[in-house]
Amino acid sequence: MSEATLTVGSTLPENVKFGWIPPTPENEDIKACGIPITYNASKEWANKKVVIFSLPGAFTPTCSASHLPGYIAKLPALREKGVDVVATIAYNDPFVMSAWGKANGIHNEDILFLSDSDLSFSKLFGWTAGERTGRYALIIDNGKIVYAEIEPGREVTVSGADAVLSKLHIYVMVWVWTKIDIVYELREGKENISFCVFQISWKFTKWKIM
């Protein structure tokens, strides 16, 4: 592993980029080759809630049998938790990542299959496995890293869909009634006549509902 520069609480740097082949009707067939482009994650993920799960390699046993299928199965639950973008990354080139997505029935942008072929993103966390990307998961909320865990072993645990779901929460912003002051006053010139003035205080706060 390389030395980490990012961790929970860090802000996603500018110019984080990946290789990507956007899914289109023309390249829907697994044997069709799309044209790779540069995906500017810093720009695309601004003001969004993003889940990233990284893998050592496309078409490898654990990644294909467990890690990716877990996220495919939990896509509806992730959306219910307010996730805007789900992306998987590996060291493979964009052509392999695109083919792997299609081989697993993803022909749209439900999950982005991104290439970290130079390991530049994974090295920000120090989470590489030799010349491959490590197996880890991240939650980025409005540009801030709020969850980051790498697998301690070969099994899928802290980087799996269930682990990530348990760390996702939905918040709503509400006005909260915090205080009422009741003030009794005597009107000038009118004995034994009083009235009360209600002074109500409110504040805008964030509540977790899920």
N, C-alpha and C. Protein backbone atom coordinates (compact mmCIF):
# COMPACT_ATOMS: atom_id res chain seq x y z
N MET A 1 0.83 -1.19 0.00
CA MET A 1 0.00 0.00 0.00
C MET A 1 0.87 1.26 0.00
N SER A 2 0.38 2.30 -0.65
CA SER A 2 1.07 3.57 -0.66
C SER A 2 0.58 4.43 0.49
N GLU A 3 1.26 5.56 0.70
CA GLU A 3 0.89 6.44 1.80
C GLU A 3 -0.41 7.16 1.49
N ALA A 4 -1.32 7.18 2.46
CA ALA A 4 -2.64 7.78 2.24
C ALA A 4 -2.59 9.29 2.42
N THR A 5 -3.37 9.98 1.58
CA THR A 5 -3.54 11.42 1.74
C THR A 5 -5.00 11.78 2.01
N LEU A 6 -5.91 10.84 1.77
CA LEU A 6 -7.33 11.07 2.01
C LEU A 6 -7.86 10.08 3.03
N THR A 7 -8.81 10.52 3.82
CA THR A 7 -9.47 9.66 4.79
C THR A 7 -10.85 10.24 5.08
N VAL A 8 -11.57 9.63 6.02
CA VAL A 8 -12.89 10.15 6.38
C VAL A 8 -12.76 11.59 6.87
N GLY A 9 -13.61 12.44 6.34
CA GLY A 9 -13.55 13.86 6.67
C GLY A 9 -12.86 14.69 5.62
N SER A 10 -12.09 14.03 4.75
CA SER A 10 -11.41 14.75 3.67
C SER A 10 -12.40 15.18 2.60
N THR A 11 -12.01 16.19 1.86
CA THR A 11 -12.79 16.65 0.72
C THR A 11 -12.22 16.04 -0.56
N LEU A 12 -13.09 15.60 -1.44
CA LEU A 12 -12.63 15.04 -2.71
C LEU A 12 -11.83 16.10 -3.46
N PRO A 13 -10.60 15.78 -3.87
CA PRO A 13 -9.78 16.79 -4.56
C PRO A 13 -10.35 17.17 -5.93
N GLU A 14 -9.83 18.24 -6.47
CA GLU A 14 -10.17 18.62 -7.83
C GLU A 14 -9.45 17.69 -8.81
N ASN A 15 -10.02 17.58 -10.00
CA ASN A 15 -9.41 16.83 -11.10
C ASN A 15 -9.23 15.34 -10.81
N VAL A 16 -10.17 14.76 -10.06
CA VAL A 16 -10.21 13.30 -9.94
C VAL A 16 -10.87 12.77 -11.21
N LYS A 17 -10.14 11.96 -11.95
CA LYS A 17 -10.63 11.51 -13.25
C LYS A 17 -10.43 10.01 -13.43
N PHE A 18 -11.32 9.42 -14.21
CA PHE A 18 -11.26 8.00 -14.53
C PHE A 18 -11.45 7.82 -16.03
N GLY A 19 -11.07 6.66 -16.53
CA GLY A 19 -11.45 6.28 -17.88
C GLY A 19 -12.82 5.62 -17.86
N TRP A 20 -13.63 5.91 -18.88
CA TRP A 20 -15.01 5.40 -18.88
C TRP A 20 -15.53 5.30 -20.30
N ILE A 21 -16.29 4.26 -20.55
CA ILE A 21 -17.02 4.13 -21.82
C ILE A 21 -18.50 4.27 -21.51
N PRO A 22 -19.11 5.39 -21.89
CA PRO A 22 -20.54 5.58 -21.61
C PRO A 22 -21.37 4.52 -22.33
N PRO A 23 -22.33 3.91 -21.66
CA PRO A 23 -23.20 2.93 -22.32
C PRO A 23 -24.15 3.63 -23.29
N THR A 24 -24.24 3.09 -24.49
CA THR A 24 -25.14 3.61 -25.52
C THR A 24 -25.81 2.44 -26.22
N PRO A 25 -26.91 2.68 -26.93
CA PRO A 25 -27.55 1.59 -27.69
C PRO A 25 -26.60 0.97 -28.71
N GLU A 26 -25.67 1.78 -29.23
CA GLU A 26 -24.76 1.29 -30.26
C GLU A 26 -23.73 0.31 -29.71
N ASN A 27 -23.35 0.45 -28.45
CA ASN A 27 -22.35 -0.46 -27.89
C ASN A 27 -22.93 -1.40 -26.83
N GLU A 28 -24.25 -1.63 -26.93
CA GLU A 28 -24.91 -2.48 -25.93
C GLU A 28 -24.42 -3.92 -25.99
N ASP A 29 -24.11 -4.41 -27.18
CA ASP A 29 -23.61 -5.78 -27.31
C ASP A 29 -22.24 -5.90 -26.64
N ILE A 30 -22.02 -7.01 -25.96
CA ILE A 30 -20.76 -7.17 -25.22
C ILE A 30 -19.56 -7.18 -26.15
N LYS A 31 -19.77 -7.53 -27.44
CA LYS A 31 -18.66 -7.54 -28.39
C LYS A 31 -18.43 -6.20 -29.06
N ALA A 32 -19.31 -5.24 -28.77
CA ALA A 32 -19.15 -3.90 -29.34
C ALA A 32 -18.19 -3.08 -28.50
N CYS A 33 -17.35 -2.31 -29.16
CA CYS A 33 -16.37 -1.48 -28.46
C CYS A 33 -16.79 -0.02 -28.53
N GLY A 34 -17.05 0.56 -27.38
CA GLY A 34 -17.34 1.98 -27.32
C GLY A 34 -16.06 2.80 -27.32
N ILE A 35 -16.21 4.10 -27.28
CA ILE A 35 -15.07 5.00 -27.28
C ILE A 35 -14.83 5.51 -25.86
N PRO A 36 -13.65 5.25 -25.30
CA PRO A 36 -13.38 5.73 -23.94
C PRO A 36 -13.31 7.26 -23.88
N ILE A 37 -13.80 7.80 -22.79
CA ILE A 37 -13.68 9.23 -22.52
C ILE A 37 -13.12 9.40 -21.11
N THR A 38 -12.78 10.63 -20.80
CA THR A 38 -12.33 10.95 -19.44
C THR A 38 -13.54 11.37 -18.61
N TYR A 39 -13.75 10.68 -17.52
CA TYR A 39 -14.86 10.98 -16.61
C TYR A 39 -14.31 11.84 -15.49
N ASN A 40 -14.74 13.09 -15.43
CA ASN A 40 -14.29 14.02 -14.39
C ASN A 40 -15.17 13.86 -13.16
N ALA A 41 -14.73 13.03 -12.24
CA ALA A 41 -15.54 12.72 -11.06
C ALA A 41 -15.72 13.94 -10.16
N SER A 42 -14.69 14.76 -10.05
CA SER A 42 -14.80 15.95 -9.19
C SER A 42 -15.94 16.85 -9.65
N LYS A 43 -16.12 16.94 -10.95
CA LYS A 43 -17.20 17.77 -11.50
C LYS A 43 -18.53 17.04 -11.43
N GLU A 44 -18.56 15.78 -11.86
CA GLU A 44 -19.81 15.03 -11.94
C GLU A 44 -20.40 14.73 -10.57
N TRP A 45 -19.56 14.61 -9.55
CA TRP A 45 -20.04 14.22 -8.23
C TRP A 45 -20.26 15.40 -7.28
N ALA A 46 -20.06 16.59 -7.78
CA ALA A 46 -20.29 17.76 -6.93
C ALA A 46 -21.76 17.82 -6.51
N ASN A 47 -22.00 18.05 -5.23
CA ASN A 47 -23.36 18.18 -4.68
C ASN A 47 -24.18 16.90 -4.83
N LYS A 48 -23.52 15.74 -4.84
CA LYS A 48 -24.22 14.47 -4.96
C LYS A 48 -23.76 13.51 -3.86
N LYS A 49 -24.60 12.51 -3.62
CA LYS A 49 -24.23 11.42 -2.71
C LYS A 49 -23.78 10.25 -3.57
N VAL A 50 -22.55 9.81 -3.36
CA VAL A 50 -21.91 8.83 -4.25
C VAL A 50 -21.41 7.64 -3.43
N VAL A 51 -21.65 6.44 -3.95
CA VAL A 51 -21.09 5.22 -3.38
C VAL A 51 -20.11 4.64 -4.39
N ILE A 52 -18.90 4.36 -3.93
CA ILE A 52 -17.87 3.76 -4.77
C ILE A 52 -17.43 2.46 -4.12
N PHE A 53 -17.35 1.41 -4.93
CA PHE A 53 -16.73 0.19 -4.43
C PHE A 53 -15.63 -0.22 -5.41
N SER A 54 -14.46 -0.43 -4.85
CA SER A 54 -13.28 -0.74 -5.65
C SER A 54 -12.96 -2.23 -5.56
N LEU A 55 -12.42 -2.75 -6.66
CA LEU A 55 -12.16 -4.19 -6.79
C LEU A 55 -10.75 -4.42 -7.30
N PRO A 56 -10.16 -5.57 -6.99
CA PRO A 56 -8.85 -5.89 -7.55
C PRO A 56 -8.87 -6.11 -9.06
N GLY A 57 -10.01 -6.54 -9.61
CA GLY A 57 -10.05 -6.74 -11.05
C GLY A 57 -11.38 -7.25 -11.55
N ALA A 58 -11.75 -6.79 -12.74
CA ALA A 58 -12.96 -7.28 -13.40
C ALA A 58 -12.80 -8.75 -13.76
N PHE A 59 -13.92 -9.46 -13.78
CA PHE A 59 -13.97 -10.87 -14.18
C PHE A 59 -13.17 -11.79 -13.25
N THR A 60 -12.84 -11.31 -12.05
CA THR A 60 -12.16 -12.18 -11.09
C THR A 60 -13.20 -12.81 -10.17
N PRO A 61 -12.89 -13.96 -9.54
CA PRO A 61 -13.92 -14.76 -8.86
C PRO A 61 -14.73 -14.02 -7.80
N THR A 62 -14.08 -13.47 -6.78
CA THR A 62 -14.84 -12.82 -5.70
C THR A 62 -15.58 -11.60 -6.20
N CYS A 63 -14.94 -10.85 -7.08
CA CYS A 63 -15.56 -9.63 -7.61
C CYS A 63 -16.81 -9.94 -8.41
N SER A 64 -16.76 -11.00 -9.21
CA SER A 64 -17.88 -11.35 -10.08
C SER A 64 -18.95 -12.17 -9.37
N ALA A 65 -18.55 -12.96 -8.39
CA ALA A 65 -19.51 -13.85 -7.73
C ALA A 65 -20.17 -13.22 -6.52
N SER A 66 -19.52 -12.23 -5.91
CA SER A 66 -20.04 -11.70 -4.65
C SER A 66 -20.13 -10.18 -4.62
N HIS A 67 -19.01 -9.53 -4.87
CA HIS A 67 -18.95 -8.08 -4.64
C HIS A 67 -19.91 -7.31 -5.54
N LEU A 68 -19.74 -7.44 -6.85
CA LEU A 68 -20.62 -6.73 -7.80
C LEU A 68 -22.07 -7.17 -7.69
N PRO A 69 -22.38 -8.48 -7.65
CA PRO A 69 -23.80 -8.88 -7.54
C PRO A 69 -24.49 -8.31 -6.31
N GLY A 70 -23.76 -8.14 -5.22
CA GLY A 70 -24.35 -7.56 -4.02
C GLY A 70 -24.86 -6.15 -4.27
N TYR A 71 -24.11 -5.37 -5.00
CA TYR A 71 -24.52 -4.00 -5.30
C TYR A 71 -25.64 -3.96 -6.33
N ILE A 72 -25.60 -4.86 -7.30
CA ILE A 72 -26.68 -4.91 -8.28
C ILE A 72 -28.00 -5.23 -7.57
N ALA A 73 -27.97 -6.19 -6.65
CA ALA A 73 -29.18 -6.57 -5.93
C ALA A 73 -29.70 -5.45 -5.03
N LYS A 74 -28.80 -4.64 -4.50
CA LYS A 74 -29.19 -3.60 -3.54
C LYS A 74 -29.35 -2.22 -4.17
N LEU A 75 -29.35 -2.14 -5.49
CA LEU A 75 -29.51 -0.83 -6.14
C LEU A 75 -30.77 -0.09 -5.69
N PRO A 76 -31.95 -0.75 -5.65
CA PRO A 76 -33.14 -0.03 -5.19
C PRO A 76 -32.99 0.52 -3.77
N ALA A 77 -32.39 -0.26 -2.88
CA ALA A 77 -32.20 0.19 -1.50
C ALA A 77 -31.24 1.37 -1.44
N LEU A 78 -30.22 1.36 -2.28
CA LEU A 78 -29.27 2.47 -2.32
C LEU A 78 -29.96 3.74 -2.79
N ARG A 79 -30.83 3.61 -3.80
CA ARG A 79 -31.56 4.79 -4.28
C ARG A 79 -32.50 5.33 -3.20
N GLU A 80 -33.12 4.42 -2.46
CA GLU A 80 -34.02 4.85 -1.38
C GLU A 80 -33.27 5.63 -0.31
N LYS A 81 -31.99 5.34 -0.17
CA LYS A 81 -31.16 6.05 0.81
C LYS A 81 -30.61 7.36 0.25
N GLY A 82 -31.04 7.73 -0.93
CA GLY A 82 -30.64 9.01 -1.50
C GLY A 82 -29.35 9.00 -2.28
N VAL A 83 -28.86 7.83 -2.65
CA VAL A 83 -27.61 7.75 -3.42
C VAL A 83 -27.88 8.15 -4.87
N ASP A 84 -27.11 9.11 -5.35
CA ASP A 84 -27.27 9.59 -6.72
C ASP A 84 -26.43 8.80 -7.71
N VAL A 85 -25.24 8.39 -7.29
CA VAL A 85 -24.30 7.71 -8.18
C VAL A 85 -23.73 6.48 -7.48
N VAL A 86 -23.74 5.35 -8.18
CA VAL A 86 -23.04 4.15 -7.72
C VAL A 86 -21.98 3.84 -8.77
N ALA A 87 -20.75 3.68 -8.33
CA ALA A 87 -19.65 3.44 -9.27
C ALA A 87 -18.74 2.36 -8.73
N THR A 88 -18.25 1.53 -9.65
CA THR A 88 -17.22 0.57 -9.29
C THR A 88 -15.96 0.90 -10.07
N ILE A 89 -14.82 0.71 -9.43
CA ILE A 89 -13.55 1.00 -10.09
C ILE A 89 -12.62 -0.20 -9.95
N ALA A 90 -11.75 -0.34 -10.93
CA ALA A 90 -10.70 -1.36 -10.90
C ALA A 90 -9.56 -0.87 -11.77
N TYR A 91 -8.44 -1.59 -11.71
CA TYR A 91 -7.27 -1.16 -12.46
C TYR A 91 -7.40 -1.47 -13.95
N ASN A 92 -8.39 -2.28 -14.34
CA ASN A 92 -8.55 -2.66 -15.74
C ASN A 92 -8.82 -1.45 -16.62
N ASP A 93 -8.52 -1.59 -17.92
CA ASP A 93 -8.77 -0.48 -18.85
C ASP A 93 -10.27 -0.31 -19.09
N PRO A 94 -10.69 0.81 -19.68
CA PRO A 94 -12.12 1.07 -19.87
C PRO A 94 -12.84 0.01 -20.70
N PHE A 95 -12.15 -0.61 -21.65
CA PHE A 95 -12.79 -1.63 -22.49
C PHE A 95 -13.19 -2.84 -21.66
N VAL A 96 -12.29 -3.28 -20.78
CA VAL A 96 -12.59 -4.43 -19.92
C VAL A 96 -13.70 -4.08 -18.93
N MET A 97 -13.63 -2.90 -18.35
CA MET A 97 -14.66 -2.49 -17.39
C MET A 97 -16.03 -2.41 -18.06
N SER A 98 -16.08 -1.87 -19.27
CA SER A 98 -17.34 -1.78 -20.00
C SER A 98 -17.90 -3.17 -20.29
N ALA A 99 -17.04 -4.07 -20.75
CA ALA A 99 -17.48 -5.44 -21.05
C ALA A 99 -17.96 -6.15 -19.80
N TRP A 100 -17.30 -5.90 -18.69
CA TRP A 100 -17.70 -6.55 -17.43
C TRP A 100 -19.08 -6.08 -17.00
N GLY A 101 -19.35 -4.81 -17.16
CA GLY A 101 -20.68 -4.30 -16.84
C GLY A 101 -21.75 -4.96 -17.69
N LYS A 102 -21.50 -5.03 -19.00
CA LYS A 102 -22.49 -5.64 -19.90
C LYS A 102 -22.65 -7.13 -19.61
N ALA A 103 -21.56 -7.80 -19.26
CA ALA A 103 -21.64 -9.22 -18.93
C ALA A 103 -22.49 -9.47 -17.70
N ASN A 104 -22.64 -8.45 -16.86
CA ASN A 104 -23.45 -8.57 -15.65
C ASN A 104 -24.80 -7.88 -15.77
N GLY A 105 -25.20 -7.59 -17.01
CA GLY A 105 -26.54 -7.08 -17.26
C GLY A 105 -26.72 -5.59 -17.04
N ILE A 106 -25.64 -4.84 -16.89
CA ILE A 106 -25.74 -3.39 -16.71
C ILE A 106 -25.49 -2.72 -18.05
N HIS A 107 -26.55 -2.22 -18.67
CA HIS A 107 -26.44 -1.58 -19.98
C HIS A 107 -26.80 -0.10 -19.90
N ASN A 108 -26.77 0.45 -18.71
CA ASN A 108 -27.10 1.86 -18.53
C ASN A 108 -26.14 2.43 -17.48
N GLU A 109 -26.53 3.52 -16.85
CA GLU A 109 -25.66 4.16 -15.86
C GLU A 109 -26.11 3.87 -14.43
N ASP A 110 -26.83 2.77 -14.23
CA ASP A 110 -27.20 2.39 -12.86
C ASP A 110 -25.96 2.20 -12.00
N ILE A 111 -24.94 1.59 -12.60
CA ILE A 111 -23.63 1.49 -11.98
C ILE A 111 -22.61 1.94 -13.02
N LEU A 112 -21.73 2.84 -12.64
CA LEU A 112 -20.67 3.28 -13.54
C LEU A 112 -19.47 2.36 -13.38
N PHE A 113 -18.95 1.87 -14.50
CA PHE A 113 -17.78 1.00 -14.49
C PHE A 113 -16.58 1.83 -14.92
N LEU A 114 -15.81 2.27 -13.93
CA LEU A 114 -14.74 3.24 -14.16
C LEU A 114 -13.37 2.58 -14.04
N SER A 115 -12.45 3.08 -14.84
CA SER A 115 -11.09 2.54 -14.87
C SER A 115 -10.13 3.44 -14.10
N ASP A 116 -9.48 2.85 -13.10
CA ASP A 116 -8.41 3.53 -12.36
C ASP A 116 -7.10 2.85 -12.74
N SER A 117 -6.82 2.83 -14.04
CA SER A 117 -5.74 2.01 -14.57
C SER A 117 -4.36 2.43 -14.08
N ASP A 118 -4.19 3.71 -13.78
CA ASP A 118 -2.90 4.16 -13.25
C ASP A 118 -2.87 4.20 -11.72
N LEU A 119 -3.96 3.74 -11.11
CA LEU A 119 -4.10 3.67 -9.65
C LEU A 119 -4.04 5.05 -8.97
N SER A 120 -4.20 6.11 -9.75
CA SER A 120 -4.05 7.45 -9.17
C SER A 120 -5.08 7.74 -8.09
N PHE A 121 -6.31 7.24 -8.27
CA PHE A 121 -7.33 7.48 -7.25
C PHE A 121 -7.09 6.61 -6.03
N SER A 122 -6.86 5.33 -6.24
CA SER A 122 -6.65 4.42 -5.11
C SER A 122 -5.43 4.80 -4.27
N LYS A 123 -4.43 5.37 -4.92
CA LYS A 123 -3.23 5.79 -4.18
C LYS A 123 -3.51 6.95 -3.24
N LEU A 124 -4.57 7.72 -3.52
CA LEU A 124 -4.93 8.82 -2.61
C LEU A 124 -5.29 8.30 -1.22
N PHE A 125 -5.77 7.05 -1.17
CA PHE A 125 -6.13 6.43 0.10
C PHE A 125 -5.06 5.45 0.58
N GLY A 126 -4.08 5.21 -0.27
CA GLY A 126 -3.07 4.22 0.06
C GLY A 126 -3.58 2.81 -0.08
N TRP A 127 -4.66 2.64 -0.88
CA TRP A 127 -5.33 1.35 -0.94
C TRP A 127 -5.13 0.68 -2.30
N THR A 128 -3.90 0.26 -2.53
CA THR A 128 -3.58 -0.51 -3.72
C THR A 128 -3.14 -1.90 -3.29
N ALA A 129 -3.21 -2.83 -4.22
CA ALA A 129 -2.76 -4.20 -3.96
C ALA A 129 -1.72 -4.54 -5.02
N GLY A 130 -0.49 -4.13 -4.77
CA GLY A 130 0.54 -4.27 -5.79
C GLY A 130 0.22 -3.34 -6.95
N GLU A 131 0.06 -3.93 -8.12
CA GLU A 131 -0.28 -3.15 -9.32
C GLU A 131 -1.78 -3.10 -9.55
N ARG A 132 -2.55 -3.53 -8.59
CA ARG A 132 -4.01 -3.53 -8.72
C ARG A 132 -4.64 -2.58 -7.71
N THR A 133 -5.89 -2.24 -7.98
CA THR A 133 -6.68 -1.50 -7.01
C THR A 133 -7.04 -2.42 -5.84
N GLY A 134 -7.14 -1.86 -4.65
CA GLY A 134 -7.55 -2.64 -3.49
C GLY A 134 -9.06 -2.85 -3.47
N ARG A 135 -9.51 -3.65 -2.50
CA ARG A 135 -10.95 -3.88 -2.35
C ARG A 135 -11.44 -3.00 -1.19
N TYR A 136 -12.16 -1.94 -1.54
CA TYR A 136 -12.61 -0.99 -0.54
C TYR A 136 -13.90 -0.32 -0.99
N ALA A 137 -14.50 0.43 -0.09
CA ALA A 137 -15.73 1.16 -0.40
C ALA A 137 -15.66 2.55 0.19
N LEU A 138 -16.32 3.48 -0.49
CA LEU A 138 -16.37 4.88 -0.06
C LEU A 138 -17.79 5.40 -0.18
N ILE A 139 -18.14 6.32 0.71
CA ILE A 139 -19.33 7.14 0.54
C ILE A 139 -18.85 8.58 0.51
N ILE A 140 -19.22 9.29 -0.55
CA ILE A 140 -18.89 10.70 -0.68
C ILE A 140 -20.20 11.47 -0.71
N ASP A 141 -20.35 12.40 0.20
CA ASP A 141 -21.59 13.18 0.31
C ASP A 141 -21.27 14.66 0.14
N ASN A 142 -21.76 15.22 -0.98
CA ASN A 142 -21.49 16.63 -1.28
C ASN A 142 -20.00 16.95 -1.23
N GLY A 143 -19.21 16.07 -1.82
CA GLY A 143 -17.78 16.31 -1.92
C GLY A 143 -16.96 15.91 -0.71
N LYS A 144 -17.62 15.45 0.36
CA LYS A 144 -16.90 15.07 1.57
C LYS A 144 -16.94 13.56 1.76
N ILE A 145 -15.81 12.98 2.10
CA ILE A 145 -15.73 11.54 2.33
C ILE A 145 -16.27 11.23 3.72
N VAL A 146 -17.36 10.48 3.78
CA VAL A 146 -18.00 10.20 5.07
C VAL A 146 -17.85 8.73 5.48
N TYR A 147 -17.41 7.89 4.56
CA TYR A 147 -17.17 6.48 4.87
C TYR A 147 -16.05 6.00 3.98
N ALA A 148 -15.09 5.30 4.56
CA ALA A 148 -13.97 4.76 3.79
C ALA A 148 -13.41 3.56 4.53
N GLU A 149 -13.58 2.38 3.94
CA GLU A 149 -13.11 1.15 4.58
C GLU A 149 -12.51 0.22 3.54
N ILE A 150 -11.39 -0.38 3.89
CA ILE A 150 -10.75 -1.38 3.04
C ILE A 150 -10.87 -2.75 3.70
N GLU A 151 -11.00 -3.77 2.89
CA GLU A 151 -11.14 -5.12 3.42
C GLU A 151 -9.86 -5.57 4.11
N PRO A 152 -9.99 -6.14 5.32
CA PRO A 152 -8.81 -6.64 6.02
C PRO A 152 -8.33 -7.98 5.47
N GLY A 153 -9.22 -8.68 4.78
CA GLY A 153 -8.87 -9.98 4.22
C GLY A 153 -9.41 -10.13 2.81
N ARG A 154 -9.63 -11.35 2.40
CA ARG A 154 -10.07 -11.61 1.03
C ARG A 154 -11.59 -11.61 0.88
N GLU A 155 -12.30 -11.67 1.99
CA GLU A 155 -13.76 -11.71 1.92
C GLU A 155 -14.34 -10.32 1.75
N VAL A 156 -15.60 -10.27 1.28
CA VAL A 156 -16.32 -9.01 1.13
C VAL A 156 -17.10 -8.74 2.41
N THR A 157 -16.67 -7.78 3.17
CA THR A 157 -17.36 -7.42 4.42
C THR A 157 -17.62 -5.92 4.44
N VAL A 158 -16.63 -5.14 4.87
CA VAL A 158 -16.81 -3.69 5.04
C VAL A 158 -16.99 -2.94 3.73
N SER A 159 -16.65 -3.58 2.62
CA SER A 159 -16.81 -2.92 1.32
C SER A 159 -18.05 -3.39 0.58
N GLY A 160 -18.81 -4.29 1.19
CA GLY A 160 -20.00 -4.83 0.54
C GLY A 160 -21.19 -3.89 0.62
N ALA A 161 -22.20 -4.20 -0.16
CA ALA A 161 -23.39 -3.35 -0.24
C ALA A 161 -24.10 -3.22 1.10
N ASP A 162 -24.20 -4.31 1.84
CA ASP A 162 -24.90 -4.26 3.13
C ASP A 162 -24.18 -3.35 4.12
N ALA A 163 -22.85 -3.43 4.14
CA ALA A 163 -22.08 -2.58 5.05
C ALA A 163 -22.25 -1.11 4.70
N VAL A 164 -22.23 -0.82 3.42
CA VAL A 164 -22.40 0.57 2.98
C VAL A 164 -23.81 1.06 3.29
N LEU A 165 -24.81 0.23 3.03
CA LEU A 165 -26.19 0.62 3.33
C LEU A 165 -26.38 0.97 4.80
N SER A 166 -25.70 0.26 5.67
CA SER A 166 -25.85 0.52 7.10
C SER A 166 -25.28 1.87 7.51
N LYS A 167 -24.45 2.44 6.65
CA LYS A 167 -23.83 3.74 6.96
C LYS A 167 -24.52 4.89 6.24
N LEU A 168 -25.51 4.58 5.44
CA LEU A 168 -26.23 5.62 4.71
C LEU A 168 -27.46 6.05 5.49
N HIS A 169 -27.66 7.33 5.60
CA HIS A 169 -28.81 7.87 6.31
C HIS A 169 -29.46 8.96 5.48
N ILE A 170 -30.76 9.14 5.69
CA ILE A 170 -31.49 10.22 5.03
C ILE A 170 -31.78 11.30 6.06
N TYR A 171 -31.47 12.50 5.71
CA TYR A 171 -31.71 13.64 6.59
C TYR A 171 -32.70 14.60 5.94
N VAL A 172 -33.50 15.23 6.75
CA VAL A 172 -34.38 16.29 6.27
C VAL A 172 -34.10 17.54 7.09
N MET A 173 -34.24 18.69 6.43
CA MET A 173 -34.05 19.96 7.11
C MET A 173 -35.42 20.48 7.53
N VAL A 174 -35.58 20.74 8.81
CA VAL A 174 -36.88 21.16 9.33
C VAL A 174 -36.71 22.37 10.25
N TRP A 175 -37.79 23.13 10.33
CA TRP A 175 -37.85 24.20 11.32
C TRP A 175 -38.33 23.60 12.64
N VAL A 176 -37.61 23.85 13.70
CA VAL A 176 -37.94 23.29 15.01
C VAL A 176 -38.33 24.42 15.96
N TRP A 177 -39.46 24.24 16.61
CA TRP A 177 -39.97 25.19 17.59
C TRP A 177 -39.19 24.99 18.88
N THR A 178 -38.40 25.97 19.26
CA THR A 178 -37.48 25.78 20.38
C THR A 178 -37.92 26.44 21.68
N LYS A 179 -38.70 27.52 21.60
CA LYS A 179 -38.99 28.23 22.84
C LYS A 179 -40.21 29.13 22.67
N ILE A 180 -41.01 29.25 23.73
CA ILE A 180 -42.09 30.23 23.78
C ILE A 180 -41.90 31.08 25.04
N ASP A 181 -41.82 32.34 24.85
CA ASP A 181 -41.78 33.27 25.99
C ASP A 181 -43.15 33.94 26.09
N ILE A 182 -43.77 33.89 27.27
CA ILE A 182 -45.06 34.54 27.49
C ILE A 182 -44.83 35.77 28.37
N VAL A 183 -45.19 36.91 27.83
CA VAL A 183 -44.97 38.16 28.53
C VAL A 183 -46.32 38.79 28.84
N TYR A 184 -46.58 39.04 30.12
CA TYR A 184 -47.82 39.70 30.53
C TYR A 184 -47.55 41.19 30.67
N GLU A 185 -48.41 41.98 30.08
CA GLU A 185 -48.25 43.43 30.15
C GLU A 185 -49.58 44.08 30.52
N LEU A 186 -49.47 45.19 31.22
CA LEU A 186 -50.65 45.96 31.61
C LEU A 186 -50.76 47.15 30.66
N ARG A 187 -51.90 47.21 29.99
CA ARG A 187 -52.09 48.32 29.06
C ARG A 187 -52.20 49.63 29.84
N GLU A 188 -51.52 50.60 29.36
CA GLU A 188 -51.50 51.90 30.03
C GLU A 188 -52.89 52.52 30.07
N GLY A 189 -53.29 52.94 31.25
CA GLY A 189 -54.56 53.63 31.40
C GLY A 189 -55.75 52.72 31.56
N LYS A 190 -55.53 51.42 31.54
CA LYS A 190 -56.65 50.48 31.69
C LYS A 190 -56.31 49.50 32.79
N GLU A 191 -56.86 49.79 33.96
CA GLU A 191 -56.55 48.96 35.11
C GLU A 191 -57.14 47.55 34.95
N ASN A 192 -56.41 46.60 35.50
CA ASN A 192 -56.85 45.21 35.57
C ASN A 192 -57.09 44.58 34.20
N ILE A 193 -56.57 45.18 33.20
CA ILE A 193 -56.66 44.58 31.87
C ILE A 193 -55.24 44.21 31.44
N SER A 194 -55.04 42.96 31.14
CA SER A 194 -53.71 42.52 30.71
C SER A 194 -53.82 41.64 29.48
N PHE A 195 -52.74 41.51 28.80
CA PHE A 195 -52.71 40.61 27.65
C PHE A 195 -51.33 39.95 27.61
N CYS A 196 -51.22 38.91 26.84
CA CYS A 196 -49.93 38.22 26.75
C CYS A 196 -49.39 38.28 25.34
N VAL A 197 -48.11 38.36 25.26
CA VAL A 197 -47.41 38.37 23.97
C VAL A 197 -46.60 37.08 23.88
N PHE A 198 -46.82 36.31 22.82
CA PHE A 198 -46.08 35.08 22.60
C PHE A 198 -44.85 35.39 21.75
N GLN A 199 -43.71 35.09 22.26
CA GLN A 199 -42.47 35.25 21.50
C GLN A 199 -41.96 33.84 21.17
N ILE A 200 -42.05 33.48 19.93
CA ILE A 200 -41.74 32.11 19.51
C ILE A 200 -40.39 32.09 18.80
N SER A 201 -39.55 31.17 19.21
CA SER A 201 -38.23 31.02 18.59
C SER A 201 -38.20 29.73 17.77
N TRP A 202 -37.57 29.81 16.62
CA TRP A 202 -37.43 28.65 15.74
C TRP A 202 -35.97 28.52 15.33
N LYS A 203 -35.60 27.33 14.93
CA LYS A 203 -34.29 27.16 14.32
C LYS A 203 -34.38 26.10 13.23
N PHE A 204 -33.49 26.22 12.25
CA PHE A 204 -33.43 25.29 11.13
C PHE A 204 -32.43 24.20 11.49
N THR A 205 -32.86 22.96 11.52
CA THR A 205 -31.97 21.88 11.95
C THR A 205 -32.13 20.67 11.05
N LYS A 206 -31.20 19.73 11.18
CA LYS A 206 -31.18 18.52 10.34
C LYS A 206 -31.58 17.32 11.18
N TRP A 207 -32.58 16.59 10.72
CA TRP A 207 -33.04 15.38 11.42
C TRP A 207 -32.75 14.16 10.57
N LYS A 208 -32.27 13.10 11.22
CA LYS A 208 -32.08 11.82 10.54
C LYS A 208 -33.38 11.05 10.62
N ILE A 209 -33.89 10.60 9.45
CA ILE A 209 -35.15 9.86 9.45
C ILE A 209 -34.96 8.40 9.06
N MET A 210 -33.82 8.04 8.51
CA MET A 210 -33.55 6.64 8.16
C MET A 210 -32.08 6.34 8.40
